[in-house]
Amino acid sequence: MLGQLRAADTFGRVTLDQLFQLGVERDNDLWLRGHAGTTDSRKGRAPLGRRYVLLNSEIDKHVYDGGLIALKLGPFVDTGAIADATGLFGSQRWLWDIGVQGKVRIFGRLSVLLSYGRDLRTAQNVFYATASR
């Protein structure tokens, strides 16, 4: 089991590119895994704001470990809120996402993460894959 709670706030004036973003995006680590960060490869789809609270929780089950390849599968639940004092950005309510993810480790070095999440408010689905060393 893994759980992570994060929160942050900004002070003073911030530009648009300094706002926090909750959603799955390659250059963002604030993953709300049922919210896509892009539309047609263009940024700006995920909720933005000056302050946020984010809880990510997941359970991984070791499915296979054959030396060269290891596979873990499990469900996740993400919840969070993002706000902005101006009212121009943010979410009006708490955001809830559920889904399943798989983690594949190849040769003990290369990791591949496959995630399928669903936004419970809008019933939109997001499939995301990433690889890292």
Protein backbone atom coordinates (compact mmCIF):
# COMPACT_ATOMS: atom_id res chain seq x y z
CA MET A 1 0.00 0.00 0.00
CA LEU A 2 1.14 3.49 -0.75
CA GLY A 3 -0.48 6.78 0.21
CA GLN A 4 0.72 10.29 -0.38
CA LEU A 5 -0.86 13.53 0.82
CA ARG A 6 0.39 16.81 -0.63
CA ALA A 7 -0.75 20.41 -0.35
CA ALA A 8 0.67 23.77 -1.39
CA ASP A 9 -0.25 27.42 -1.70
CA THR A 10 1.31 30.37 -3.50
CA PHE A 11 1.73 33.89 -2.19
CA GLY A 12 1.81 37.11 -4.14
CA ARG A 13 1.42 37.44 -7.87
CA VAL A 14 2.06 34.41 -10.03
CA THR A 15 2.03 34.00 -13.78
CA LEU A 16 -0.09 31.45 -15.61
CA ASP A 17 2.82 29.04 -16.04
CA GLN A 18 3.44 29.03 -12.26
CA LEU A 19 -0.04 27.75 -11.36
CA PHE A 20 -0.41 24.20 -10.03
CA GLN A 21 -2.02 21.59 -12.28
CA LEU A 22 -3.79 18.42 -11.13
CA GLY A 23 -3.78 15.80 -13.87
CA VAL A 24 -1.73 13.26 -15.76
CA GLU A 25 0.98 15.02 -17.74
CA ARG A 26 4.59 14.11 -18.57
CA ASP A 27 6.10 17.17 -16.85
CA ASN A 28 3.78 17.23 -13.85
CA ASP A 29 4.07 15.12 -10.71
CA LEU A 30 0.66 16.11 -9.26
CA TRP A 31 -1.15 13.18 -10.80
CA LEU A 32 -4.91 13.01 -10.53
CA ARG A 33 -4.95 9.91 -12.70
CA GLY A 34 -8.48 10.27 -14.09
CA HIS A 35 -7.83 13.80 -15.39
CA ALA A 36 -5.86 14.26 -18.60
CA GLY A 37 -3.47 17.20 -18.73
CA THR A 38 -3.73 17.61 -22.50
CA THR A 39 -6.22 17.66 -25.35
CA ASP A 40 -4.82 16.64 -28.75
CA SER A 41 -1.28 16.97 -27.29
CA ARG A 42 -1.95 20.56 -26.17
CA LYS A 43 -1.64 21.48 -22.51
CA GLY A 44 -4.33 23.19 -20.48
CA ARG A 45 -7.04 20.59 -19.95
CA ALA A 46 -6.33 19.78 -16.30
CA PRO A 47 -7.61 21.96 -13.44
CA LEU A 48 -5.26 24.84 -12.55
CA GLY A 49 -5.00 26.92 -9.39
CA ARG A 50 -2.86 28.73 -6.85
CA ARG A 51 -3.40 26.18 -4.05
CA TYR A 52 -4.21 22.50 -3.94
CA VAL A 53 -4.69 19.42 -1.77
CA LEU A 54 -4.02 16.03 -3.33
CA LEU A 55 -4.24 12.49 -1.91
CA ASN A 56 -2.96 9.58 -4.00
CA SER A 57 -3.44 6.03 -2.72
CA GLU A 58 -2.70 2.73 -4.38
CA ILE A 59 -2.27 -0.97 -3.65
CA ASP A 60 0.23 -3.04 -5.64
CA LYS A 61 0.05 -6.81 -5.88
CA HIS A 62 3.09 -8.71 -7.14
CA VAL A 63 1.70 -10.78 -10.00
CA TYR A 64 4.87 -12.11 -11.59
CA ASP A 65 8.58 -11.98 -10.86
CA GLY A 66 10.67 -13.97 -13.32
CA GLY A 67 14.04 -12.35 -12.82
CA LEU A 68 14.11 -10.47 -16.11
CA ILE A 69 10.56 -9.15 -15.83
CA ALA A 70 8.50 -8.24 -12.78
CA LEU A 71 4.82 -7.26 -12.91
CA LYS A 72 2.67 -5.51 -10.31
CA LEU A 73 -1.05 -4.71 -10.66
CA GLY A 74 -3.46 -2.87 -8.43
CA PRO A 75 -6.20 -0.32 -7.95
CA PHE A 76 -5.81 3.33 -7.04
CA VAL A 77 -7.97 6.13 -5.64
CA ASP A 78 -7.03 9.78 -6.07
CA THR A 79 -8.85 12.75 -4.62
CA GLY A 80 -8.07 16.42 -4.46
CA ALA A 81 -9.15 20.00 -4.86
CA ILE A 82 -7.54 22.97 -6.49
CA ALA A 83 -8.56 26.58 -5.97
CA ASP A 84 -7.82 30.12 -7.03
CA ALA A 85 -8.86 33.27 -5.18
CA THR A 86 -9.77 35.05 -8.42
CA GLY A 87 -12.37 32.42 -9.30
CA LEU A 88 -10.96 32.12 -12.83
CA PHE A 89 -9.32 28.75 -12.22
CA GLY A 90 -9.69 25.79 -9.92
CA SER A 91 -12.38 23.21 -9.30
CA GLN A 92 -15.69 24.00 -7.69
CA ARG A 93 -15.83 20.65 -5.88
CA TRP A 94 -13.58 17.83 -4.74
CA LEU A 95 -12.28 15.72 -7.59
CA TRP A 96 -12.40 11.92 -7.32
CA ASP A 97 -10.64 9.41 -9.59
CA ILE A 98 -10.43 5.63 -9.46
CA GLY A 99 -8.65 3.15 -11.67
CA VAL A 100 -6.13 0.41 -12.10
CA GLN A 101 -2.45 0.49 -12.91
CA GLY A 102 0.26 -1.93 -13.88
CA LYS A 103 3.96 -1.59 -13.24
CA VAL A 104 6.42 -3.59 -15.33
CA ARG A 105 10.12 -3.73 -14.47
CA ILE A 106 12.36 -5.04 -17.24
CA PHE A 107 15.92 -6.25 -16.56
CA GLY A 108 15.72 -4.58 -13.14
CA ARG A 109 16.33 -1.16 -14.70
CA LEU A 110 13.56 -0.05 -17.07
CA SER A 111 10.17 0.66 -15.49
CA VAL A 112 6.96 0.99 -17.48
CA LEU A 113 3.81 2.34 -15.82
CA LEU A 114 0.41 1.77 -17.43
CA SER A 115 -2.50 3.60 -15.83
CA TYR A 116 -6.24 3.59 -16.61
CA GLY A 117 -8.20 6.12 -14.57
CA ARG A 118 -11.79 7.35 -14.47
CA ASP A 119 -13.03 10.74 -13.30
CA LEU A 120 -16.08 9.96 -11.15
CA ARG A 121 -17.71 13.37 -11.71
CA THR A 122 -17.58 13.48 -15.52
CA ALA A 123 -17.19 9.73 -16.28
CA GLN A 124 -14.22 10.54 -18.54
CA ASN A 125 -11.46 7.94 -18.86
CA VAL A 126 -7.71 8.43 -19.20
CA PHE A 127 -5.13 5.87 -20.30
CA TYR A 128 -1.52 6.86 -19.71
CA ALA A 129 1.80 5.10 -20.19
CA THR A 130 5.25 6.24 -19.12
CA ALA A 131 8.69 4.71 -19.01
CA SER A 132 11.66 5.57 -16.78
CA ARG A 133 15.03 4.22 -15.71
